[in-house]
Amino acid sequence: LVAAGPSAIVAAYRLEGVESIAKVLTLSQFHGGE
């Protein structure tokens, strides 16, 4: 995964945010999907 932003820390926060989202979407499959 790659993120770009107005600073390196913003880019890193974006990576963290997307990882959390990917986790939620993966776990939702255990509850019957979206």
PDB file of all heavy atoms in Angstrom:
ATOM      1  N   LEU A   1       0.834  -1.191   0.000  1.00  0.00           N
ATOM      2  CA  LEU A   1       0.000   0.000   0.000  1.00  0.00           C
ATOM      3  C   LEU A   1       0.872   1.245   0.000  1.00  0.00           C
ATOM      4  O   LEU A   1       1.909   1.286   0.660  1.00  0.00           O
ATOM      5  CB  LEU A   1      -0.888  -0.013   1.255  1.00  0.00           C
ATOM      6  CG  LEU A   1      -1.916   1.093   1.448  1.00  0.00           C
ATOM      7  CD1 LEU A   1      -3.011   1.031   0.370  1.00  0.00           C
ATOM      8  CD2 LEU A   1      -2.556   0.977   2.839  1.00  0.00           C
ATOM      9  N   VAL A   2       0.456   2.265  -0.756  1.00  0.00           N
ATOM     10  CA  VAL A   2       1.187   3.530  -0.851  1.00  0.00           C
ATOM     11  C   VAL A   2       0.229   4.679  -0.591  1.00  0.00           C
ATOM     12  O   VAL A   2      -0.922   4.660  -1.045  1.00  0.00           O
ATOM     13  CB  VAL A   2       1.815   3.708  -2.254  1.00  0.00           C
ATOM     14  CG1 VAL A   2       2.582   5.035  -2.338  1.00  0.00           C
ATOM     15  CG2 VAL A   2       2.719   2.538  -2.601  1.00  0.00           C
ATOM     16  N   ALA A   3       0.702   5.693   0.138  1.00  0.00           N
ATOM     17  CA  ALA A   3      -0.088   6.898   0.357  1.00  0.00           C
ATOM     18  C   ALA A   3       0.787   8.120   0.148  1.00  0.00           C
ATOM     19  O   ALA A   3       1.975   8.116   0.483  1.00  0.00           O
ATOM     20  CB  ALA A   3      -0.680   6.921   1.769  1.00  0.00           C
ATOM     21  N   ALA A   4       0.194   9.161  -0.415  1.00  0.00           N
ATOM     22  CA  ALA A   4       0.866  10.439  -0.624  1.00  0.00           C
ATOM     23  C   ALA A   4       0.079  11.518   0.100  1.00  0.00           C
ATOM     24  O   ALA A   4      -1.126  11.374   0.333  1.00  0.00           O
ATOM     25  CB  ALA A   4       0.952  10.753  -2.118  1.00  0.00           C
ATOM     26  N   GLY A   5       0.767  12.608   0.465  1.00  0.00           N
ATOM     27  CA  GLY A   5       0.066  13.656   1.186  1.00  0.00           C
ATOM     28  C   GLY A   5       0.866  14.938   1.283  1.00  0.00           C
ATOM     29  O   GLY A   5       1.976  15.033   0.750  1.00  0.00           O
ATOM     30  N   PRO A   6       0.319  15.929   1.987  1.00  0.00           N
ATOM     31  CA  PRO A   6       1.005  17.210   2.159  1.00  0.00           C
ATOM     32  C   PRO A   6       2.188  17.137   3.109  1.00  0.00           C
ATOM     33  O   PRO A   6       2.930  18.102   3.263  1.00  0.00           O
ATOM     34  CB  PRO A   6      -0.095  18.116   2.707  1.00  0.00           C
ATOM     35  CG  PRO A   6      -1.024  17.184   3.430  1.00  0.00           C
ATOM     36  CD  PRO A   6      -1.014  15.936   2.602  1.00  0.00           C
ATOM     37  N   SER A   7       2.375  15.989   3.759  1.00  0.00           N
ATOM     38  CA  SER A   7       3.522  15.743   4.630  1.00  0.00           C
ATOM     39  C   SER A   7       3.671  14.238   4.766  1.00  0.00           C
ATOM     40  O   SER A   7       2.752  13.472   4.447  1.00  0.00           O
ATOM     41  CB  SER A   7       3.329  16.381   6.013  1.00  0.00           C
ATOM     42  OG  SER A   7       2.280  15.721   6.707  1.00  0.00           O
ATOM     43  N   ALA A   8       4.806  13.808   5.257  1.00  0.00           N
ATOM     44  CA  ALA A   8       5.025  12.369   5.442  1.00  0.00           C
ATOM     45  C   ALA A   8       4.103  11.808   6.514  1.00  0.00           C
ATOM     46  O   ALA A   8       3.593  10.694   6.376  1.00  0.00           O
ATOM     47  CB  ALA A   8       6.480  12.105   5.799  1.00  0.00           C
ATOM     48  N   ILE A   9       3.870  12.560   7.586  1.00  0.00           N
ATOM     49  CA  ILE A   9       3.029  12.042   8.651  1.00  0.00           C
ATOM     50  C   ILE A   9       1.585  11.906   8.204  1.00  0.00           C
ATOM     51  O   ILE A   9       0.893  10.944   8.559  1.00  0.00           O
ATOM     52  CB  ILE A   9       3.157  12.896   9.948  1.00  0.00           C
ATOM     53  CG1 ILE A   9       2.523  12.163  11.136  1.00  0.00           C
ATOM     54  CG2 ILE A   9       2.560  14.270   9.769  1.00  0.00           C
ATOM     55  CD1 ILE A   9       3.188  10.861  11.512  1.00  0.00           C
ATOM     56  N   VAL A  10       1.107  12.834   7.371  1.00  0.00           N
ATOM     57  CA  VAL A  10      -0.255  12.700   6.824  1.00  0.00           C
ATOM     58  C   VAL A  10      -0.331  11.464   5.942  1.00  0.00           C
ATOM     59  O   VAL A  10      -1.308  10.705   5.995  1.00  0.00           O
ATOM     60  CB  VAL A  10      -0.666  13.960   6.053  1.00  0.00           C
ATOM     61  CG1 VAL A  10      -1.946  13.711   5.247  1.00  0.00           C
ATOM     62  CG2 VAL A  10      -0.884  15.127   7.007  1.00  0.00           C
ATOM     63  N   ALA A  11       0.691  11.233   5.136  1.00  0.00           N
ATOM     64  CA  ALA A  11       0.718  10.021   4.310  1.00  0.00           C
ATOM     65  C   ALA A  11       0.662   8.772   5.182  1.00  0.00           C
ATOM     66  O   ALA A  11      -0.074   7.819   4.886  1.00  0.00           O
ATOM     67  CB  ALA A  11       1.963  10.012   3.435  1.00  0.00           C
ATOM     68  N   ALA A  12       1.413   8.755   6.272  1.00  0.00           N
ATOM     69  CA  ALA A  12       1.403   7.602   7.174  1.00  0.00           C
ATOM     70  C   ALA A  12       0.044   7.423   7.834  1.00  0.00           C
ATOM     71  O   ALA A  12      -0.443   6.290   7.979  1.00  0.00           O
ATOM     72  CB  ALA A  12       2.490   7.772   8.233  1.00  0.00           C
ATOM     73  N   TYR A  13      -0.582   8.534   8.243  1.00  0.00           N
ATOM     74  CA  TYR A  13      -1.925   8.438   8.831  1.00  0.00           C
ATOM     75  C   TYR A  13      -2.919   7.868   7.822  1.00  0.00           C
ATOM     76  O   TYR A  13      -3.840   7.115   8.191  1.00  0.00           O
ATOM     77  CB  TYR A  13      -2.406   9.810   9.292  1.00  0.00           C
ATOM     78  CG  TYR A  13      -1.733  10.335  10.548  1.00  0.00           C
ATOM     79  CD1 TYR A  13      -1.567  11.709  10.741  1.00  0.00           C
ATOM     80  CD2 TYR A  13      -1.283   9.485  11.536  1.00  0.00           C
ATOM     81  CE1 TYR A  13      -0.967  12.207  11.886  1.00  0.00           C
ATOM     82  CE2 TYR A  13      -0.684   9.966  12.678  1.00  0.00           C
ATOM     83  CZ  TYR A  13      -0.525  11.334  12.856  1.00  0.00           C
ATOM     84  OH  TYR A  13       0.073  11.825  13.986  1.00  0.00           O
ATOM     85  N   ARG A  14      -2.753   8.231   6.555  1.00  0.00           N
ATOM     86  CA  ARG A  14      -3.649   7.692   5.528  1.00  0.00           C
ATOM     87  C   ARG A  14      -3.479   6.184   5.390  1.00  0.00           C
ATOM     88  O   ARG A  14      -4.459   5.452   5.230  1.00  0.00           O
ATOM     89  CB  ARG A  14      -3.412   8.407   4.199  1.00  0.00           C
ATOM     90  CG  ARG A  14      -3.979   9.814   4.189  1.00  0.00           C
ATOM     91  CD  ARG A  14      -3.624  10.604   2.933  1.00  0.00           C
ATOM     92  NE  ARG A  14      -4.316  11.897   2.959  1.00  0.00           N
ATOM     93  CZ  ARG A  14      -4.090  12.892   2.110  1.00  0.00           C
ATOM     94  NH1 ARG A  14      -3.181  12.750   1.147  1.00  0.00           N
ATOM     95  NH2 ARG A  14      -4.753  14.028   2.219  1.00  0.00           N
ATOM     96  N   LEU A  15      -2.244   5.708   5.465  1.00  0.00           N
ATOM     97  CA  LEU A  15      -2.024   4.266   5.453  1.00  0.00           C
ATOM     98  C   LEU A  15      -2.722   3.599   6.632  1.00  0.00           C
ATOM     99  O   LEU A  15      -3.362   2.554   6.477  1.00  0.00           O
ATOM    100  CB  LEU A  15      -0.526   3.956   5.518  1.00  0.00           C
ATOM    101  CG  LEU A  15       0.357   4.229   4.311  1.00  0.00           C
ATOM    102  CD1 LEU A  15       1.748   3.646   4.557  1.00  0.00           C
ATOM    103  CD2 LEU A  15      -0.224   3.680   3.039  1.00  0.00           C
ATOM    104  N   GLU A  16      -2.576   4.198   7.798  1.00  0.00           N
ATOM    105  CA  GLU A  16      -3.207   3.627   8.993  1.00  0.00           C
ATOM    106  C   GLU A  16      -4.722   3.582   8.833  1.00  0.00           C
ATOM    107  O   GLU A  16      -5.373   2.596   9.195  1.00  0.00           O
ATOM    108  CB  GLU A  16      -2.822   4.440  10.224  1.00  0.00           C
ATOM    109  CG  GLU A  16      -3.376   3.868  11.517  1.00  0.00           C
ATOM    110  CD  GLU A  16      -3.005   4.699  12.733  1.00  0.00           C
ATOM    111  OE1 GLU A  16      -2.720   5.905  12.581  1.00  0.00           O
ATOM    112  OE2 GLU A  16      -3.013   4.138  13.841  1.00  0.00           O
ATOM    113  N   GLY A  17      -5.291   4.662   8.278  1.00  0.00           N
ATOM    114  CA  GLY A  17      -6.735   4.717   8.082  1.00  0.00           C
ATOM    115  C   GLY A  17      -7.233   3.651   7.122  1.00  0.00           C
ATOM    116  O   GLY A  17      -8.250   2.987   7.374  1.00  0.00           O
ATOM    117  N   VAL A  18      -6.519   3.468   6.029  1.00  0.00           N
ATOM    118  CA  VAL A  18      -6.930   2.468   5.048  1.00  0.00           C
ATOM    119  C   VAL A  18      -6.790   1.054   5.617  1.00  0.00           C
ATOM    120  O   VAL A  18      -7.637   0.196   5.360  1.00  0.00           O
ATOM    121  CB  VAL A  18      -6.121   2.625   3.749  1.00  0.00           C
ATOM    122  CG1 VAL A  18      -6.345   1.433   2.818  1.00  0.00           C
ATOM    123  CG2 VAL A  18      -6.526   3.914   3.041  1.00  0.00           C
ATOM    124  N   GLU A  19      -5.761   0.802   6.406  1.00  0.00           N
ATOM    125  CA  GLU A  19      -5.623  -0.519   7.012  1.00  0.00           C
ATOM    126  C   GLU A  19      -6.804  -0.819   7.938  1.00  0.00           C
ATOM    127  O   GLU A  19      -7.335  -1.937   7.939  1.00  0.00           O
ATOM    128  CB  GLU A  19      -4.311  -0.613   7.797  1.00  0.00           C
ATOM    129  CG  GLU A  19      -4.143  -1.885   8.606  1.00  0.00           C
ATOM    130  CD  GLU A  19      -4.034  -3.157   7.783  1.00  0.00           C
ATOM    131  OE1 GLU A  19      -4.193  -3.116   6.548  1.00  0.00           O
ATOM    132  OE2 GLU A  19      -3.796  -4.224   8.389  1.00  0.00           O
ATOM    133  N   SER A  20      -7.253   0.178   8.697  1.00  0.00           N
ATOM    134  CA  SER A  20      -8.417  -0.018   9.566  1.00  0.00           C
ATOM    135  C   SER A  20      -9.664  -0.332   8.741  1.00  0.00           C
ATOM    136  O   SER A  20     -10.455  -1.221   9.088  1.00  0.00           O
ATOM    137  CB  SER A  20      -8.645   1.234  10.413  1.00  0.00           C
ATOM    138  OG  SER A  20      -9.812   1.106  11.200  1.00  0.00           O
ATOM    139  N   ILE A  21      -9.836   0.369   7.632  1.00  0.00           N
ATOM    140  CA  ILE A  21     -10.978   0.134   6.758  1.00  0.00           C
ATOM    141  C   ILE A  21     -10.914  -1.268   6.156  1.00  0.00           C
ATOM    142  O   ILE A  21     -11.919  -1.988   6.111  1.00  0.00           O
ATOM    143  CB  ILE A  21     -11.029   1.205   5.652  1.00  0.00           C
ATOM    144  CG1 ILE A  21     -11.466   2.541   6.251  1.00  0.00           C
ATOM    145  CG2 ILE A  21     -11.951   0.790   4.508  1.00  0.00           C
ATOM    146  CD1 ILE A  21     -11.215   3.734   5.352  1.00  0.00           C
ATOM    147  N   ALA A  22      -9.738  -1.661   5.686  1.00  0.00           N
ATOM    148  CA  ALA A  22      -9.592  -2.994   5.100  1.00  0.00           C
ATOM    149  C   ALA A  22      -9.921  -4.082   6.126  1.00  0.00           C
ATOM    150  O   ALA A  22     -10.513  -5.114   5.786  1.00  0.00           O
ATOM    151  CB  ALA A  22      -8.167  -3.183   4.571  1.00  0.00           C
ATOM    152  N   LYS A  23      -9.561  -3.826   7.374  1.00  0.00           N
ATOM    153  CA  LYS A  23      -9.869  -4.782   8.434  1.00  0.00           C
ATOM    154  C   LYS A  23     -11.377  -4.888   8.642  1.00  0.00           C
ATOM    155  O   LYS A  23     -11.926  -5.995   8.755  1.00  0.00           O
ATOM    156  CB  LYS A  23      -9.183  -4.358   9.740  1.00  0.00           C
ATOM    157  CG  LYS A  23      -9.353  -5.344  10.883  1.00  0.00           C
ATOM    158  CD  LYS A  23      -8.528  -4.899  12.091  1.00  0.00           C
ATOM    159  CE  LYS A  23      -8.631  -5.906  13.221  1.00  0.00           C
ATOM    160  NZ  LYS A  23      -7.800  -5.497  14.392  1.00  0.00           N
ATOM    161  N   VAL A  24     -12.059  -3.752   8.683  1.00  0.00           N
ATOM    162  CA  VAL A  24     -13.515  -3.757   8.859  1.00  0.00           C
ATOM    163  C   VAL A  24     -14.197  -4.495   7.710  1.00  0.00           C
ATOM    164  O   VAL A  24     -15.105  -5.326   7.919  1.00  0.00           O
ATOM    165  CB  VAL A  24     -14.048  -2.308   8.957  1.00  0.00           C
ATOM    166  CG1 VAL A  24     -15.574  -2.297   8.860  1.00  0.00           C
ATOM    167  CG2 VAL A  24     -13.611  -1.666  10.268  1.00  0.00           C
ATOM    168  N   LEU A  25     -13.780  -4.215   6.488  1.00  0.00           N
ATOM    169  CA  LEU A  25     -14.415  -4.858   5.333  1.00  0.00           C
ATOM    170  C   LEU A  25     -14.165  -6.365   5.345  1.00  0.00           C
ATOM    171  O   LEU A  25     -15.044  -7.160   4.981  1.00  0.00           O
ATOM    172  CB  LEU A  25     -13.886  -4.245   4.037  1.00  0.00           C
ATOM    173  CG  LEU A  25     -14.245  -2.770   3.813  1.00  0.00           C
ATOM    174  CD1 LEU A  25     -13.671  -2.282   2.484  1.00  0.00           C
ATOM    175  CD2 LEU A  25     -15.750  -2.549   3.850  1.00  0.00           C
ATOM    176  N   THR A  26     -12.968  -6.771   5.765  1.00  0.00           N
ATOM    177  CA  THR A  26     -12.676  -8.204   5.865  1.00  0.00           C
ATOM    178  C   THR A  26     -13.528  -8.863   6.936  1.00  0.00           C
ATOM    179  O   THR A  26     -14.141  -9.918   6.711  1.00  0.00           O
ATOM    180  CB  THR A  26     -11.185  -8.424   6.173  1.00  0.00           C
ATOM    181  OG1 THR A  26     -10.401  -7.866   5.120  1.00  0.00           O
ATOM    182  CG2 THR A  26     -10.872  -9.910   6.311  1.00  0.00           C
ATOM    183  N   LEU A  27     -13.608  -8.223   8.105  1.00  0.00           N
ATOM    184  CA  LEU A  27     -14.390  -8.802   9.205  1.00  0.00           C
ATOM    185  C   LEU A  27     -15.880  -8.824   8.901  1.00  0.00           C
ATOM    186  O   LEU A  27     -16.613  -9.692   9.402  1.00  0.00           O
ATOM    187  CB  LEU A  27     -14.127  -8.010  10.499  1.00  0.00           C
ATOM    188  CG  LEU A  27     -12.706  -8.144  11.068  1.00  0.00           C
ATOM    189  CD1 LEU A  27     -12.535  -7.230  12.278  1.00  0.00           C
ATOM    190  CD2 LEU A  27     -12.406  -9.585  11.456  1.00  0.00           C
ATOM    191  N   SER A  28     -16.350  -7.886   8.080  1.00  0.00           N
ATOM    192  CA  SER A  28     -17.776  -7.868   7.748  1.00  0.00           C
ATOM    193  C   SER A  28     -18.203  -9.142   7.030  1.00  0.00           C
ATOM    194  O   SER A  28     -19.381  -9.536   7.096  1.00  0.00           O
ATOM    195  CB  SER A  28     -18.113  -6.646   6.887  1.00  0.00           C
ATOM    196  OG  SER A  28     -17.616  -6.789   5.560  1.00  0.00           O
ATOM    197  N   GLN A  29     -17.247  -9.803   6.379  1.00  0.00           N
ATOM    198  CA  GLN A  29     -17.582 -11.047   5.690  1.00  0.00           C
ATOM    199  C   GLN A  29     -17.978 -12.147   6.675  1.00  0.00           C
ATOM    200  O   GLN A  29     -18.720 -13.071   6.315  1.00  0.00           O
ATOM    201  CB  GLN A  29     -16.390 -11.509   4.836  1.00  0.00           C
ATOM    202  CG  GLN A  29     -15.956 -10.501   3.776  1.00  0.00           C
ATOM    203  CD  GLN A  29     -17.097 -10.068   2.886  1.00  0.00           C
ATOM    204  OE1 GLN A  29     -17.811 -10.908   2.325  1.00  0.00           O
ATOM    205  NE2 GLN A  29     -17.280  -8.762   2.757  1.00  0.00           N
ATOM    206  N   PHE A  30     -17.508 -12.041   7.928  1.00  0.00           N
ATOM    207  CA  PHE A  30     -17.886 -13.023   8.942  1.00  0.00           C
ATOM    208  C   PHE A  30     -19.289 -12.774   9.497  1.00  0.00           C
ATOM    209  O   PHE A  30     -19.804 -13.571  10.272  1.00  0.00           O
ATOM    210  CB  PHE A  30     -16.871 -13.007  10.095  1.00  0.00           C
ATOM    211  CG  PHE A  30     -15.510 -13.507   9.702  1.00  0.00           C
ATOM    212  CD1 PHE A  30     -14.512 -12.621   9.344  1.00  0.00           C
ATOM    213  CD2 PHE A  30     -15.224 -14.865   9.673  1.00  0.00           C
ATOM    214  CE1 PHE A  30     -13.253 -13.074   8.971  1.00  0.00           C
ATOM    215  CE2 PHE A  30     -13.971 -15.332   9.303  1.00  0.00           C
ATOM    216  CZ  PHE A  30     -12.981 -14.432   8.943  1.00  0.00           C
ATOM    217  N   HIS A  31     -19.876 -11.651   9.105  1.00  0.00           N
ATOM    218  CA  HIS A  31     -21.233 -11.319   9.554  1.00  0.00           C
ATOM    219  C   HIS A  31     -22.207 -11.315   8.384  1.00  0.00           C
ATOM    220  O   HIS A  31     -23.234 -10.628   8.414  1.00  0.00           O
ATOM    221  CB  HIS A  31     -21.236  -9.955  10.248  1.00  0.00           C
ATOM    222  CG  HIS A  31     -20.371  -9.901  11.472  1.00  0.00           C
ATOM    223  ND1 HIS A  31     -20.771 -10.408  12.691  1.00  0.00           N
ATOM    224  CD2 HIS A  31     -19.107  -9.441  11.660  1.00  0.00           C
ATOM    225  CE1 HIS A  31     -19.795 -10.257  13.574  1.00  0.00           C
ATOM    226  NE2 HIS A  31     -18.781  -9.669  12.981  1.00  0.00           N
ATOM    227  N   GLY A  32     -21.865 -12.063   7.353  1.00  0.00           N
ATOM    228  CA  GLY A  32     -22.770 -12.207   6.225  1.00  0.00           C
ATOM    229  C   GLY A  32     -22.513 -11.263   5.067  1.00  0.00           C
ATOM    230  O   GLY A  32     -23.294 -11.224   4.117  1.00  0.00           O
ATOM    231  N   GLY A  33     -21.454 -10.470   5.151  1.00  0.00           N
ATOM    232  CA  GLY A  33     -21.138  -9.555   4.052  1.00  0.00           C
ATOM    233  C   GLY A  33     -21.749  -8.192   4.238  1.00  0.00           C
ATOM    234  O   GLY A  33     -22.434  -7.909   5.226  1.00  0.00           O
ATOM    235  N   GLU A  34     -21.501  -7.312   3.276  1.00  0.00           N
ATOM    236  CA  GLU A  34     -21.947  -5.921   3.357  1.00  0.00           C
ATOM    237  C   GLU A  34     -23.459  -5.778   3.209  1.00  0.00           C
ATOM    238  O   GLU A  34     -24.111  -6.568   2.526  1.00  0.00           O
ATOM    239  CB  GLU A  34     -21.287  -5.095   2.254  1.00  0.00           C
ATOM    240  CG  GLU A  34     -19.794  -4.965   2.376  1.00  0.00           C
ATOM    241  CD  GLU A  34     -19.218  -3.999   1.352  1.00  0.00           C
ATOM    242  OE1 GLU A  34     -19.964  -3.543   0.459  1.00  0.00           O
ATOM    243  OE2 GLU A  34     -18.023  -3.681   1.455  1.00  0.00           O
TER     244      GLU A  34
END
